[in-house]
Amino acid sequence: MKKLLLYGAILALLTILLQLAEYRFLVIDHTVELYVGIVALVFVVLGVVMGKKLTTPKEVVVEKLVPVTTNTSLPFSVNEMVLDKLGISKREHEILLLIAEGMSNQEIADKSFVSINTVKTHVSNILVKLDVKRRVQAIQKARELGIVP
């Protein structure tokens, strides 16, 4: 039994040595072909990945304006509590209403019988009190708060 195991182990070692020798001669004799095959395999994989990325449809976002209907049967009423809470004066509220109508500073000054610098000061105060940076943002926030129709 020991001889059988010993012969089996020797035979296995010889088989492994022959396989290593065959592999070594294969690699030495066909080095260029192996490198070309590896490079070709890399390019095939790269081509498949890039092809998938280029042919996959991209998401397209479509913005659509949707008309919003408001209940026009109820008259607009100003939320006085919000005006008091924000500290917006009656004059600043008047200016805010004129801004909401789309008037420029000069038009507001002409309609209110004040100088353009006074209008600029009121607009600046309104922007600070509403915590916004632009007139459009002020109108939007004022509408959300219910102080401008």
Protein backbone atom coordinates (compact mmCIF):
# COMPACT_ATOMS: atom_id res chain seq x y z
CA MET A 1 0.00 0.00 0.00
CA LYS A 2 2.84 2.39 0.83
CA LYS A 3 4.49 1.67 -2.49
CA LEU A 4 1.27 2.41 -4.30
CA LEU A 5 0.93 5.79 -2.56
CA LEU A 6 4.61 6.57 -3.20
CA TYR A 7 4.28 5.72 -6.91
CA GLY A 8 1.07 7.75 -7.12
CA ALA A 9 2.75 10.79 -5.53
CA ILE A 10 5.78 10.48 -7.84
CA LEU A 11 3.51 10.13 -10.86
CA ALA A 12 1.53 13.21 -9.79
CA LEU A 13 4.74 15.24 -9.36
CA LEU A 14 5.99 14.16 -12.77
CA THR A 15 2.67 15.10 -14.34
CA ILE A 16 2.80 18.54 -12.70
CA LEU A 17 6.42 19.02 -13.88
CA LEU A 18 5.48 18.04 -17.41
CA GLN A 19 2.52 20.43 -17.38
CA LEU A 20 4.78 23.26 -16.13
CA ALA A 21 7.36 22.46 -18.80
CA GLU A 22 4.68 22.40 -21.48
CA TYR A 23 3.26 25.72 -20.20
CA ARG A 24 6.73 27.25 -20.11
CA PHE A 25 7.48 26.21 -23.70
CA LEU A 26 4.03 27.34 -24.78
CA VAL A 27 4.53 30.79 -23.28
CA ILE A 28 8.05 31.15 -24.61
CA ASP A 29 7.18 29.98 -28.10
CA HIS A 30 3.94 31.96 -28.41
CA THR A 31 4.57 35.11 -26.35
CA VAL A 32 3.54 37.56 -29.08
CA GLU A 33 0.33 35.68 -29.84
CA LEU A 34 -0.60 35.64 -26.14
CA TYR A 35 -0.02 39.39 -25.75
CA VAL A 36 -1.98 40.15 -28.92
CA GLY A 37 -4.82 37.94 -27.67
CA ILE A 38 -4.89 39.69 -24.29
CA VAL A 39 -4.91 43.14 -25.93
CA ALA A 40 -7.67 42.03 -28.30
CA LEU A 41 -9.73 40.73 -25.36
CA VAL A 42 -9.31 44.05 -23.52
CA PHE A 43 -10.46 46.00 -26.58
CA VAL A 44 -13.48 43.73 -27.08
CA VAL A 45 -14.58 44.26 -23.48
CA LEU A 46 -13.95 48.00 -23.75
CA GLY A 47 -15.92 48.16 -27.01
CA VAL A 48 -18.89 46.35 -25.50
CA VAL A 49 -18.94 48.63 -22.44
CA MET A 50 -18.61 51.83 -24.48
CA GLY A 51 -21.17 50.62 -27.02
CA LYS A 52 -23.67 50.04 -24.24
CA LYS A 53 -23.09 53.51 -22.84
CA LEU A 54 -23.43 55.19 -26.24
CA THR A 55 -26.53 53.30 -27.34
CA THR A 56 -28.43 53.54 -24.05
CA PRO A 57 -31.11 56.22 -24.40
CA LYS A 58 -30.65 59.17 -22.09
CA GLU A 59 -33.41 60.58 -19.93
CA VAL A 60 -35.10 63.58 -21.45
CA VAL A 61 -36.81 66.02 -19.12
CA VAL A 62 -39.73 67.82 -20.67
CA GLU A 63 -41.03 70.88 -18.92
CA LYS A 64 -44.61 71.71 -19.62
CA LEU A 65 -46.51 74.75 -18.48
CA VAL A 66 -49.75 73.77 -16.85
CA PRO A 67 -52.36 76.48 -16.41
CA VAL A 68 -53.55 76.77 -12.85
CA THR A 69 -57.10 77.79 -12.31
CA THR A 70 -57.80 79.83 -9.25
CA ASN A 71 -61.09 80.39 -7.58
CA THR A 72 -61.93 83.86 -8.88
CA SER A 73 -65.28 83.97 -7.14
CA LEU A 74 -63.62 84.87 -3.82
CA PRO A 75 -62.00 88.30 -3.58
CA PHE A 76 -58.37 88.41 -2.46
CA SER A 77 -57.81 89.47 1.12
CA VAL A 78 -54.39 90.43 2.44
CA ASN A 79 -53.05 88.39 5.33
CA GLU A 80 -52.49 91.23 7.81
CA MET A 81 -50.92 88.94 10.41
CA VAL A 82 -48.11 88.03 8.03
CA LEU A 83 -47.52 91.70 7.20
CA ASP A 84 -47.25 92.53 10.91
CA LYS A 85 -45.04 89.52 11.61
CA LEU A 86 -42.63 90.47 8.80
CA GLY A 87 -42.73 94.14 9.72
CA ILE A 88 -43.79 95.29 6.27
CA SER A 89 -45.23 98.82 6.42
CA LYS A 90 -48.30 100.00 4.51
CA ARG A 91 -46.10 101.94 2.07
CA GLU A 92 -43.81 98.93 1.49
CA HIS A 93 -46.91 96.80 0.89
CA GLU A 94 -48.12 99.32 -1.70
CA ILE A 95 -44.72 99.17 -3.41
CA LEU A 96 -44.85 95.35 -3.29
CA LEU A 97 -48.26 95.39 -4.96
CA LEU A 98 -46.91 97.64 -7.72
CA ILE A 99 -43.89 95.33 -8.17
CA ALA A 100 -46.34 92.43 -8.51
CA GLU A 101 -48.07 94.34 -11.30
CA GLY A 102 -44.74 94.34 -13.15
CA MET A 103 -43.84 98.00 -12.76
CA SER A 104 -40.28 99.26 -12.89
CA ASN A 105 -38.77 101.46 -10.19
CA GLN A 106 -39.34 104.57 -12.30
CA GLU A 107 -42.98 103.68 -12.95
CA ILE A 108 -43.53 103.02 -9.24
CA ALA A 109 -41.90 106.36 -8.38
CA ASP A 110 -44.14 108.20 -10.85
CA LYS A 111 -47.30 106.50 -9.63
CA SER A 112 -46.48 106.91 -5.92
CA PHE A 113 -45.23 110.51 -6.23
CA VAL A 114 -41.88 109.69 -4.59
CA SER A 115 -38.30 109.75 -5.81
CA ILE A 116 -36.73 106.75 -7.46
CA ASN A 117 -34.25 106.51 -4.57
CA THR A 118 -37.15 106.17 -2.13
CA VAL A 119 -38.56 103.36 -4.26
CA LYS A 120 -35.16 101.66 -4.29
CA THR A 121 -34.99 101.92 -0.51
CA HIS A 122 -38.48 100.42 -0.12
CA VAL A 123 -37.64 97.61 -2.56
CA SER A 124 -34.42 96.90 -0.67
CA ASN A 125 -36.32 96.77 2.65
CA ILE A 126 -38.92 94.45 1.13
CA LEU A 127 -36.23 92.07 -0.15
CA VAL A 128 -34.60 91.97 3.28
CA LYS A 129 -37.87 91.43 5.14
CA LEU A 130 -38.95 88.64 2.78
CA ASP A 131 -35.43 87.16 2.88
CA VAL A 132 -35.03 87.03 -0.90
CA LYS A 133 -32.51 88.42 -3.39
CA ARG A 134 -34.62 89.33 -6.42
CA ARG A 135 -37.92 91.06 -7.14
CA VAL A 136 -39.34 87.94 -8.81
CA GLN A 137 -38.54 85.88 -5.71
CA ALA A 138 -40.19 88.57 -3.57
CA ILE A 139 -43.39 88.38 -5.61
CA GLN A 140 -43.40 84.58 -5.46
CA LYS A 141 -42.86 84.50 -1.71
CA ALA A 142 -45.44 87.27 -1.14
CA ARG A 143 -48.01 85.23 -3.08
CA GLU A 144 -47.18 82.14 -1.04
CA LEU A 145 -47.63 84.15 2.16
CA GLY A 146 -50.92 85.62 0.96
CA ILE A 147 -49.91 89.27 1.02
CA VAL A 148 -50.06 89.83 -2.76
CA PRO A 149 -52.74 88.51 -5.15
